């Protein structure tokens, strides 16, 4: 990712945070466990989506392709939609917090492809600020109906794919 792409991801992540700060529908996704603020988590999430769009060859650097925020009054209209809809594919983006991480699959992913990016970052211990490099790794993908197991750490209905498919198999007829 170049400087402009990182700046755009930061801008959109900040905008999402501002517009949704009172939204009950925005899950916290255990930011506290990873010592991230909501804004930092949103920025990383936007960067992950941007990396997948870029990998797909989709327009990712045009502000018009992004829904900067979802007003609470409009949220029910978008509920149940994937993060990315591109050329007939419905793709959910699940950012991994560690380089070696299973892909979580949820009931809401039915019919979707779940892609897992990993964004390495360093966090300053005193200020909590994070420094993101320019590299985003796409670790793999899975379908909602792939073989799953319930991990020991899951306290809800989350399942994880037993096997991650490599990204080089994505366009070889498996995903399409």
N, C-alpha and C. Protein backbone atom coordinates (compact mmCIF):
# COMPACT_ATOMS: atom_id res chain seq x y z
N UNK A 1 0.85 -1.17 0.00
CA UNK A 1 0.00 0.00 0.00
C UNK A 1 0.90 1.24 0.00
N UNK A 2 0.48 2.23 -0.75
CA UNK A 2 1.27 3.46 -0.77
C UNK A 2 0.73 4.46 0.25
N UNK A 3 1.40 5.61 0.37
CA UNK A 3 1.01 6.61 1.37
C UNK A 3 -0.42 7.10 1.17
N UNK A 4 -0.81 7.32 -0.08
CA UNK A 4 -2.15 7.83 -0.37
C UNK A 4 -3.22 6.82 0.05
N UNK A 5 -2.96 5.53 -0.21
CA UNK A 5 -3.91 4.48 0.16
C UNK A 5 -4.03 4.37 1.68
N UNK A 6 -2.90 4.45 2.36
CA UNK A 6 -2.93 4.41 3.83
C UNK A 6 -3.69 5.61 4.39
N UNK A 7 -3.48 6.78 3.79
CA UNK A 7 -4.18 8.00 4.24
C UNK A 7 -5.68 7.88 4.00
N UNK A 8 -6.08 7.32 2.85
CA UNK A 8 -7.50 7.15 2.55
C UNK A 8 -8.14 6.17 3.54
N UNK A 9 -7.45 5.07 3.83
CA UNK A 9 -7.97 4.10 4.80
C UNK A 9 -8.14 4.74 6.18
N UNK A 10 -7.17 5.56 6.57
CA UNK A 10 -7.26 6.25 7.87
C UNK A 10 -8.44 7.22 7.88
N UNK A 11 -8.62 7.96 6.80
CA UNK A 11 -9.73 8.92 6.70
C UNK A 11 -11.08 8.21 6.80
N UNK A 12 -11.24 7.14 6.04
CA UNK A 12 -12.52 6.42 6.04
C UNK A 12 -12.75 5.74 7.39
N UNK A 13 -11.70 5.16 7.98
CA UNK A 13 -11.83 4.54 9.29
C UNK A 13 -12.23 5.53 10.36
N UNK A 14 -11.65 6.72 10.31
CA UNK A 14 -12.02 7.78 11.26
C UNK A 14 -13.46 8.21 11.05
N UNK A 15 -13.86 8.37 9.80
CA UNK A 15 -15.24 8.77 9.48
C UNK A 15 -16.23 7.72 9.98
N UNK A 16 -15.93 6.44 9.76
CA UNK A 16 -16.81 5.38 10.26
C UNK A 16 -16.94 5.45 11.78
N UNK A 17 -15.83 5.70 12.44
CA UNK A 17 -15.84 5.78 13.90
C UNK A 17 -16.71 6.93 14.38
N UNK A 18 -16.53 8.11 13.77
CA UNK A 18 -17.30 9.29 14.17
C UNK A 18 -18.79 9.08 13.96
N UNK A 19 -19.16 8.56 12.80
CA UNK A 19 -20.57 8.45 12.46
C UNK A 19 -21.28 7.32 13.20
N UNK A 20 -20.53 6.32 13.62
CA UNK A 20 -21.15 5.17 14.25
C UNK A 20 -20.87 5.06 15.75
N UNK A 21 -20.33 6.10 16.36
CA UNK A 21 -19.90 5.97 17.75
C UNK A 21 -21.04 5.67 18.71
N UNK A 22 -22.26 6.03 18.39
CA UNK A 22 -23.39 5.73 19.26
C UNK A 22 -24.22 4.56 18.76
N UNK A 23 -23.76 3.93 17.70
CA UNK A 23 -24.54 2.83 17.11
C UNK A 23 -24.43 1.55 17.91
N UNK A 24 -25.56 1.04 18.34
CA UNK A 24 -25.56 -0.20 19.11
C UNK A 24 -25.21 -1.40 18.24
N UNK A 25 -25.28 -1.22 16.92
CA UNK A 25 -25.02 -2.33 16.00
C UNK A 25 -23.54 -2.51 15.70
N UNK A 26 -22.70 -1.61 16.15
CA UNK A 26 -21.27 -1.71 15.89
C UNK A 26 -20.64 -2.51 17.03
N UNK A 27 -20.21 -3.71 16.72
CA UNK A 27 -19.64 -4.59 17.74
C UNK A 27 -18.24 -4.13 18.11
N UNK A 28 -17.86 -4.39 19.32
CA UNK A 28 -16.53 -4.00 19.79
C UNK A 28 -15.44 -4.96 19.33
N UNK A 29 -15.79 -6.19 18.99
CA UNK A 29 -14.83 -7.17 18.48
C UNK A 29 -13.57 -7.29 19.32
N UNK A 30 -13.73 -7.23 20.62
CA UNK A 30 -12.64 -7.49 21.56
C UNK A 30 -11.43 -6.59 21.34
N UNK A 31 -11.64 -5.32 20.99
CA UNK A 31 -10.51 -4.41 20.81
C UNK A 31 -9.67 -4.34 22.08
N UNK A 32 -10.33 -4.41 23.24
CA UNK A 32 -9.59 -4.30 24.49
C UNK A 32 -8.56 -5.42 24.63
N UNK A 33 -8.89 -6.60 24.16
CA UNK A 33 -7.95 -7.72 24.26
C UNK A 33 -6.69 -7.46 23.44
N UNK A 34 -6.82 -6.66 22.42
CA UNK A 34 -5.67 -6.35 21.58
C UNK A 34 -5.20 -4.92 21.79
N UNK A 35 -5.74 -4.25 22.81
CA UNK A 35 -5.34 -2.90 23.18
C UNK A 35 -5.50 -1.91 22.03
N UNK A 36 -6.59 -2.01 21.30
CA UNK A 36 -6.87 -1.09 20.20
C UNK A 36 -8.07 -0.23 20.54
N UNK A 37 -8.02 1.02 20.14
CA UNK A 37 -9.21 1.87 20.26
C UNK A 37 -10.17 1.49 19.14
N UNK A 38 -11.42 1.92 19.25
CA UNK A 38 -12.39 1.67 18.19
C UNK A 38 -11.92 2.27 16.88
N UNK A 39 -11.36 3.48 16.94
CA UNK A 39 -10.88 4.13 15.72
C UNK A 39 -9.72 3.34 15.10
N UNK A 40 -8.80 2.86 15.91
CA UNK A 40 -7.69 2.06 15.37
C UNK A 40 -8.21 0.78 14.73
N UNK A 41 -9.16 0.11 15.39
CA UNK A 41 -9.73 -1.11 14.83
C UNK A 41 -10.46 -0.82 13.52
N UNK A 42 -11.21 0.29 13.46
CA UNK A 42 -11.90 0.66 12.23
C UNK A 42 -10.92 0.96 11.11
N UNK A 43 -9.85 1.67 11.42
CA UNK A 43 -8.84 1.98 10.39
C UNK A 43 -8.20 0.70 9.85
N UNK A 44 -7.87 -0.23 10.75
CA UNK A 44 -7.30 -1.50 10.30
C UNK A 44 -8.31 -2.29 9.47
N UNK A 45 -9.58 -2.24 9.87
CA UNK A 45 -10.63 -2.93 9.12
C UNK A 45 -10.79 -2.38 7.72
N UNK A 46 -10.77 -1.06 7.59
CA UNK A 46 -10.88 -0.43 6.28
C UNK A 46 -9.66 -0.79 5.43
N UNK A 47 -8.49 -0.77 6.02
CA UNK A 47 -7.27 -1.13 5.29
C UNK A 47 -7.34 -2.58 4.81
N UNK A 48 -7.88 -3.47 5.63
CA UNK A 48 -8.05 -4.87 5.24
C UNK A 48 -9.00 -4.99 4.05
N UNK A 49 -10.13 -4.29 4.11
CA UNK A 49 -11.08 -4.31 2.99
C UNK A 49 -10.44 -3.74 1.73
N UNK A 50 -9.69 -2.65 1.88
CA UNK A 50 -9.02 -2.02 0.75
C UNK A 50 -8.02 -2.98 0.11
N UNK A 51 -7.29 -3.72 0.92
CA UNK A 51 -6.30 -4.68 0.39
C UNK A 51 -6.99 -5.78 -0.41
N UNK A 52 -8.13 -6.26 0.07
CA UNK A 52 -8.86 -7.29 -0.66
C UNK A 52 -9.40 -6.72 -1.97
N UNK A 53 -9.96 -5.51 -1.94
CA UNK A 53 -10.43 -4.87 -3.17
C UNK A 53 -9.29 -4.71 -4.17
N UNK A 54 -8.14 -4.28 -3.68
CA UNK A 54 -6.98 -4.09 -4.55
C UNK A 54 -6.55 -5.42 -5.16
N UNK A 55 -6.53 -6.48 -4.37
CA UNK A 55 -6.15 -7.80 -4.84
C UNK A 55 -7.12 -8.30 -5.91
N UNK A 56 -8.41 -8.00 -5.73
CA UNK A 56 -9.42 -8.41 -6.70
C UNK A 56 -9.34 -7.62 -8.00
N UNK A 57 -8.65 -6.48 -7.97
CA UNK A 57 -8.60 -5.61 -9.14
C UNK A 57 -9.79 -4.67 -9.19
N UNK A 58 -10.49 -4.54 -8.07
CA UNK A 58 -11.66 -3.66 -7.97
C UNK A 58 -11.20 -2.23 -7.67
N UNK A 59 -12.04 -1.24 -7.97
CA UNK A 59 -11.67 0.14 -7.63
C UNK A 59 -11.68 0.31 -6.11
N UNK A 60 -10.55 0.63 -5.57
CA UNK A 60 -10.43 0.72 -4.11
C UNK A 60 -9.99 2.10 -3.66
N UNK A 61 -9.50 2.92 -4.57
CA UNK A 61 -8.95 4.21 -4.16
C UNK A 61 -9.86 5.38 -4.53
N UNK A 62 -11.10 5.08 -4.86
CA UNK A 62 -12.07 6.10 -5.18
C UNK A 62 -13.03 6.21 -4.00
N UNK A 63 -13.14 7.38 -3.42
CA UNK A 63 -14.01 7.54 -2.24
C UNK A 63 -15.45 7.19 -2.54
N UNK A 64 -15.85 7.25 -3.82
CA UNK A 64 -17.24 6.95 -4.16
C UNK A 64 -17.59 5.48 -3.98
N UNK A 65 -16.61 4.58 -3.97
CA UNK A 65 -16.93 3.16 -3.82
C UNK A 65 -17.12 2.78 -2.36
N UNK A 66 -16.80 3.66 -1.44
CA UNK A 66 -16.89 3.35 -0.03
C UNK A 66 -18.17 3.91 0.58
N UNK A 67 -18.79 3.11 1.40
CA UNK A 67 -19.85 3.63 2.26
C UNK A 67 -19.11 4.11 3.49
N UNK A 68 -18.91 5.42 3.60
CA UNK A 68 -18.11 5.96 4.69
C UNK A 68 -18.70 5.62 6.06
N UNK A 69 -20.01 5.58 6.12
CA UNK A 69 -20.65 5.26 7.38
C UNK A 69 -22.06 4.79 7.08
N UNK A 70 -22.66 4.14 8.04
CA UNK A 70 -24.02 3.67 7.90
C UNK A 70 -24.85 4.35 8.97
N UNK A 71 -25.69 5.32 8.59
CA UNK A 71 -26.52 5.97 9.60
C UNK A 71 -27.42 4.94 10.29
N UNK A 72 -27.65 5.14 11.55
CA UNK A 72 -28.47 4.18 12.31
C UNK A 72 -29.83 3.95 11.67
N UNK A 73 -30.41 4.99 11.10
CA UNK A 73 -31.73 4.85 10.49
C UNK A 73 -31.70 3.98 9.24
N UNK A 74 -30.54 3.83 8.63
CA UNK A 74 -30.42 3.06 7.39
C UNK A 74 -29.81 1.68 7.62
N UNK A 75 -29.37 1.39 8.84
CA UNK A 75 -28.60 0.16 9.05
C UNK A 75 -29.39 -1.08 8.69
N UNK A 76 -30.68 -1.13 9.02
CA UNK A 76 -31.47 -2.33 8.77
C UNK A 76 -31.53 -2.67 7.28
N UNK A 77 -31.37 -1.67 6.42
CA UNK A 77 -31.40 -1.93 4.97
C UNK A 77 -30.13 -2.64 4.51
N UNK A 78 -29.03 -2.46 5.24
CA UNK A 78 -27.75 -3.05 4.84
C UNK A 78 -27.40 -4.30 5.64
N UNK A 79 -28.17 -4.57 6.69
CA UNK A 79 -27.86 -5.71 7.55
C UNK A 79 -27.89 -6.99 6.72
N UNK A 80 -26.91 -7.82 6.94
CA UNK A 80 -26.87 -9.07 6.22
C UNK A 80 -26.14 -8.99 4.89
N UNK A 81 -25.59 -7.83 4.57
CA UNK A 81 -24.81 -7.71 3.34
C UNK A 81 -23.34 -7.94 3.64
N UNK A 82 -22.63 -8.51 2.68
CA UNK A 82 -21.19 -8.74 2.90
C UNK A 82 -20.41 -7.43 2.82
N UNK A 83 -19.15 -7.49 3.22
CA UNK A 83 -18.29 -6.31 3.15
C UNK A 83 -18.05 -5.88 1.71
N UNK A 84 -17.90 -6.85 0.81
CA UNK A 84 -17.58 -6.56 -0.59
C UNK A 84 -18.50 -7.37 -1.49
N UNK A 85 -19.08 -6.71 -2.46
CA UNK A 85 -19.81 -7.38 -3.53
C UNK A 85 -19.13 -6.97 -4.83
N UNK A 86 -18.53 -7.95 -5.50
CA UNK A 86 -17.74 -7.64 -6.69
C UNK A 86 -17.89 -8.76 -7.70
N UNK A 87 -18.34 -8.42 -8.89
CA UNK A 87 -18.48 -9.35 -10.01
C UNK A 87 -19.19 -10.63 -9.60
N UNK A 88 -20.30 -10.49 -8.92
CA UNK A 88 -21.11 -11.63 -8.53
C UNK A 88 -20.63 -12.38 -7.30
N UNK A 89 -19.56 -11.92 -6.69
CA UNK A 89 -19.04 -12.59 -5.49
C UNK A 89 -19.43 -11.77 -4.26
N UNK A 90 -19.85 -12.48 -3.22
CA UNK A 90 -20.13 -11.86 -1.92
C UNK A 90 -18.99 -12.24 -0.99
N UNK A 91 -18.25 -11.23 -0.55
CA UNK A 91 -17.03 -11.48 0.22
C UNK A 91 -17.09 -10.78 1.57
N UNK A 92 -16.87 -11.55 2.61
CA UNK A 92 -16.75 -11.03 3.97
C UNK A 92 -15.26 -10.96 4.29
N UNK A 93 -14.82 -9.85 4.88
CA UNK A 93 -13.41 -9.67 5.21
C UNK A 93 -13.25 -9.82 6.72
N UNK A 94 -12.43 -10.79 7.15
CA UNK A 94 -12.17 -11.01 8.58
C UNK A 94 -10.69 -10.83 8.84
N UNK A 95 -10.34 -9.69 9.38
CA UNK A 95 -8.94 -9.39 9.65
C UNK A 95 -8.41 -10.27 10.77
N UNK A 96 -7.26 -10.87 10.53
CA UNK A 96 -6.60 -11.70 11.55
C UNK A 96 -5.75 -10.81 12.44
N UNK A 97 -5.75 -11.08 13.72
CA UNK A 97 -4.91 -10.32 14.65
C UNK A 97 -3.52 -10.94 14.79
N UNK A 98 -3.37 -12.16 14.32
CA UNK A 98 -2.08 -12.86 14.35
C UNK A 98 -1.84 -13.47 12.98
N UNK A 99 -0.58 -13.64 12.64
CA UNK A 99 -0.24 -14.19 11.32
C UNK A 99 -0.71 -15.64 11.17
N UNK A 100 -0.70 -16.37 12.24
CA UNK A 100 -1.22 -17.74 12.22
C UNK A 100 -2.53 -17.71 12.98
N UNK A 101 -3.61 -17.81 12.24
CA UNK A 101 -4.93 -17.65 12.84
C UNK A 101 -5.96 -18.39 12.00
N UNK A 102 -6.88 -19.12 12.63
CA UNK A 102 -7.94 -19.78 11.85
C UNK A 102 -8.93 -18.74 11.33
N UNK A 103 -9.68 -19.10 10.31
CA UNK A 103 -10.69 -18.19 9.76
C UNK A 103 -12.02 -18.45 10.48
N UNK A 104 -12.54 -17.46 11.19
CA UNK A 104 -13.85 -17.65 11.83
C UNK A 104 -14.96 -17.59 10.79
N UNK A 105 -15.90 -18.52 10.90
CA UNK A 105 -17.06 -18.55 10.02
C UNK A 105 -18.30 -18.49 10.90
N UNK A 106 -19.21 -17.60 10.55
CA UNK A 106 -20.41 -17.40 11.35
C UNK A 106 -21.64 -17.72 10.52
N UNK A 107 -22.74 -17.93 11.20
CA UNK A 107 -23.98 -18.26 10.51
C UNK A 107 -24.35 -17.18 9.50
N UNK A 108 -24.03 -15.93 9.80
CA UNK A 108 -24.35 -14.82 8.90
C UNK A 108 -23.52 -14.86 7.62
N UNK A 109 -22.51 -15.74 7.55
CA UNK A 109 -21.66 -15.85 6.37
C UNK A 109 -22.24 -16.80 5.32
N UNK A 110 -23.43 -17.31 5.58
CA UNK A 110 -24.03 -18.26 4.64
C UNK A 110 -24.07 -17.67 3.24
N UNK A 111 -23.49 -18.39 2.29
CA UNK A 111 -23.44 -17.94 0.91
C UNK A 111 -22.26 -17.03 0.58
N UNK A 112 -21.44 -16.71 1.56
CA UNK A 112 -20.33 -15.79 1.35
C UNK A 112 -18.99 -16.52 1.28
N UNK A 113 -18.03 -15.83 0.71
CA UNK A 113 -16.63 -16.23 0.76
C UNK A 113 -16.00 -15.36 1.84
N UNK A 114 -15.22 -15.96 2.73
CA UNK A 114 -14.58 -15.20 3.80
C UNK A 114 -13.08 -15.16 3.52
N UNK A 115 -12.55 -13.95 3.35
CA UNK A 115 -11.13 -13.74 3.08
C UNK A 115 -10.48 -13.19 4.34
N UNK A 116 -9.27 -13.68 4.63
CA UNK A 116 -8.61 -13.29 5.88
C UNK A 116 -7.29 -12.55 5.62
N UNK A 117 -7.30 -11.22 5.75
CA UNK A 117 -6.05 -10.46 5.67
C UNK A 117 -5.40 -10.31 7.05
N UNK A 118 -4.10 -10.12 7.02
CA UNK A 118 -3.34 -9.85 8.24
C UNK A 118 -2.53 -8.58 8.00
N UNK A 119 -2.64 -7.64 8.93
CA UNK A 119 -1.92 -6.37 8.82
C UNK A 119 -0.95 -6.27 10.00
N UNK A 120 0.35 -6.46 9.73
CA UNK A 120 1.31 -6.31 10.82
C UNK A 120 1.37 -4.84 11.28
N UNK A 121 1.42 -4.64 12.57
CA UNK A 121 1.57 -3.27 13.09
C UNK A 121 2.35 -3.32 14.39
N UNK A 122 2.96 -2.19 14.70
CA UNK A 122 3.68 -2.03 15.96
C UNK A 122 2.91 -1.03 16.80
N UNK A 123 2.83 -1.30 18.09
CA UNK A 123 2.12 -0.38 18.99
C UNK A 123 3.08 0.17 20.03
N UNK A 124 3.09 1.49 20.14
CA UNK A 124 3.94 2.17 21.12
C UNK A 124 3.35 1.89 22.50
N UNK A 125 4.15 1.36 23.40
CA UNK A 125 3.64 0.92 24.70
C UNK A 125 3.13 2.06 25.58
N UNK A 126 3.71 3.23 25.47
CA UNK A 126 3.31 4.33 26.34
C UNK A 126 2.10 5.10 25.80
N UNK A 127 2.08 5.37 24.51
CA UNK A 127 1.00 6.19 23.94
C UNK A 127 -0.15 5.35 23.39
N UNK A 128 0.10 4.09 23.07
CA UNK A 128 -0.94 3.25 22.48
C UNK A 128 -1.09 3.45 20.98
N UNK A 129 -0.34 4.41 20.42
CA UNK A 129 -0.42 4.66 18.98
C UNK A 129 0.14 3.46 18.22
N UNK A 130 -0.43 3.20 17.04
CA UNK A 130 0.06 2.09 16.24
C UNK A 130 0.72 2.62 14.96
N UNK A 131 1.71 1.88 14.51
CA UNK A 131 2.40 2.19 13.25
C UNK A 131 2.16 1.01 12.32
N UNK A 132 1.53 1.30 11.20
CA UNK A 132 1.20 0.27 10.22
C UNK A 132 2.20 0.37 9.07
N UNK A 133 2.72 -0.77 8.67
CA UNK A 133 3.61 -0.80 7.50
C UNK A 133 2.80 -0.73 6.22
N UNK A 134 3.43 -0.97 5.12
CA UNK A 134 2.74 -0.89 3.83
C UNK A 134 2.31 -2.25 3.31
N UNK A 135 2.53 -3.28 4.09
CA UNK A 135 2.24 -4.63 3.63
C UNK A 135 0.99 -5.17 4.30
N UNK A 136 0.12 -5.76 3.49
CA UNK A 136 -1.03 -6.49 4.00
C UNK A 136 -0.93 -7.89 3.41
N UNK A 137 -0.95 -8.89 4.25
CA UNK A 137 -0.87 -10.27 3.78
C UNK A 137 -2.26 -10.87 3.73
N UNK A 138 -2.62 -11.49 2.62
CA UNK A 138 -3.87 -12.22 2.53
C UNK A 138 -3.55 -13.67 2.87
N UNK A 139 -4.01 -14.11 4.04
CA UNK A 139 -3.62 -15.41 4.58
C UNK A 139 -4.35 -16.58 3.94
N UNK A 140 -5.56 -16.36 3.47
CA UNK A 140 -6.33 -17.44 2.87
C UNK A 140 -7.81 -17.10 2.85
N UNK A 141 -8.60 -18.07 2.43
CA UNK A 141 -10.04 -17.86 2.33
C UNK A 141 -10.76 -19.17 2.61
N UNK A 142 -12.05 -19.04 2.88
CA UNK A 142 -12.89 -20.21 3.13
C UNK A 142 -14.31 -19.86 2.71
N UNK A 143 -15.11 -20.89 2.52
CA UNK A 143 -16.54 -20.70 2.26
C UNK A 143 -17.29 -20.95 3.57
N UNK A 144 -18.48 -20.39 3.66
CA UNK A 144 -19.27 -20.53 4.87
C UNK A 144 -19.60 -21.99 5.15
N UNK A 145 -19.67 -22.82 4.10
CA UNK A 145 -20.07 -24.21 4.29
C UNK A 145 -18.87 -25.17 4.34
N UNK A 146 -17.65 -24.64 4.43
CA UNK A 146 -16.48 -25.51 4.60
C UNK A 146 -16.58 -26.23 5.94
N UNK A 147 -15.83 -27.31 6.07
CA UNK A 147 -15.82 -28.06 7.32
C UNK A 147 -15.29 -27.17 8.45
N UNK A 148 -16.01 -27.15 9.55
CA UNK A 148 -15.65 -26.26 10.66
C UNK A 148 -15.58 -27.03 11.97
N UNK A 149 -15.03 -26.36 12.96
CA UNK A 149 -15.01 -26.89 14.32
C UNK A 149 -15.22 -25.72 15.28
N UNK A 150 -15.73 -26.01 16.45
CA UNK A 150 -15.91 -24.97 17.47
C UNK A 150 -14.63 -24.92 18.31
N UNK A 151 -13.93 -23.79 18.29
CA UNK A 151 -12.67 -23.71 19.04
C UNK A 151 -12.93 -23.61 20.55
N UNK A 152 -11.94 -23.98 21.32
CA UNK A 152 -12.07 -23.96 22.78
C UNK A 152 -12.32 -22.57 23.31
N UNK A 153 -11.84 -21.54 22.60
CA UNK A 153 -11.94 -20.17 23.09
C UNK A 153 -13.25 -19.49 22.71
N UNK A 154 -14.07 -20.16 21.90
CA UNK A 154 -15.31 -19.54 21.45
C UNK A 154 -16.35 -19.57 22.56
N UNK A 155 -16.89 -18.39 22.87
CA UNK A 155 -17.93 -18.33 23.89
C UNK A 155 -19.30 -18.09 23.26
N UNK A 156 -19.37 -18.21 21.96
CA UNK A 156 -20.64 -18.01 21.26
C UNK A 156 -20.82 -19.07 20.20
N UNK A 157 -21.38 -18.66 19.08
CA UNK A 157 -21.65 -19.62 18.02
C UNK A 157 -20.57 -19.62 16.94
N UNK A 158 -19.46 -18.94 17.19
CA UNK A 158 -18.39 -18.88 16.19
C UNK A 158 -17.77 -20.25 15.96
N UNK A 159 -17.54 -20.52 14.71
CA UNK A 159 -16.84 -21.73 14.29
C UNK A 159 -15.62 -21.27 13.50
N UNK A 160 -14.67 -22.16 13.30
CA UNK A 160 -13.52 -21.83 12.48
C UNK A 160 -13.37 -22.89 11.40
N UNK A 161 -12.89 -22.45 10.23
CA UNK A 161 -12.64 -23.38 9.13
C UNK A 161 -11.48 -24.28 9.52
N UNK A 162 -11.64 -25.58 9.29
CA UNK A 162 -10.56 -26.51 9.62
C UNK A 162 -9.38 -26.33 8.68
N UNK A 163 -9.66 -25.91 7.47
CA UNK A 163 -8.58 -25.72 6.50
C UNK A 163 -8.77 -24.42 5.76
N UNK A 164 -7.71 -23.66 5.67
CA UNK A 164 -7.71 -22.39 4.95
C UNK A 164 -7.31 -22.67 3.50
N UNK A 165 -8.05 -22.12 2.55
CA UNK A 165 -7.67 -22.29 1.15
C UNK A 165 -6.65 -21.22 0.78
N UNK A 166 -5.65 -21.58 -0.02
CA UNK A 166 -4.64 -20.58 -0.41
C UNK A 166 -5.22 -19.55 -1.38
N UNK A 167 -4.72 -18.33 -1.31
CA UNK A 167 -5.24 -17.26 -2.17
C UNK A 167 -5.03 -17.55 -3.65
N UNK A 168 -3.99 -18.32 -4.01
CA UNK A 168 -3.77 -18.60 -5.43
C UNK A 168 -4.83 -19.54 -6.01
N UNK A 169 -5.68 -20.12 -5.16
CA UNK A 169 -6.77 -20.97 -5.66
C UNK A 169 -8.08 -20.19 -5.81
N UNK A 170 -8.07 -18.91 -5.47
CA UNK A 170 -9.30 -18.12 -5.44
C UNK A 170 -9.95 -17.99 -6.81
N UNK A 171 -9.18 -17.74 -7.84
CA UNK A 171 -9.75 -17.53 -9.17
C UNK A 171 -9.68 -18.78 -10.05
N UNK A 172 -9.38 -19.93 -9.47
CA UNK A 172 -9.25 -21.15 -10.26
C UNK A 172 -10.56 -21.92 -10.24
N UNK A 173 -11.66 -21.22 -10.16
CA UNK A 173 -12.96 -21.86 -10.21
C UNK A 173 -13.52 -22.22 -8.84
N UNK A 174 -12.70 -22.21 -7.80
CA UNK A 174 -13.19 -22.57 -6.48
C UNK A 174 -14.09 -21.49 -5.89
N UNK A 175 -13.72 -20.25 -6.07
CA UNK A 175 -14.48 -19.16 -5.46
C UNK A 175 -15.60 -18.69 -6.38
N UNK A 176 -15.33 -18.66 -7.66
CA UNK A 176 -16.30 -18.10 -8.61
C UNK A 176 -17.51 -18.97 -8.79
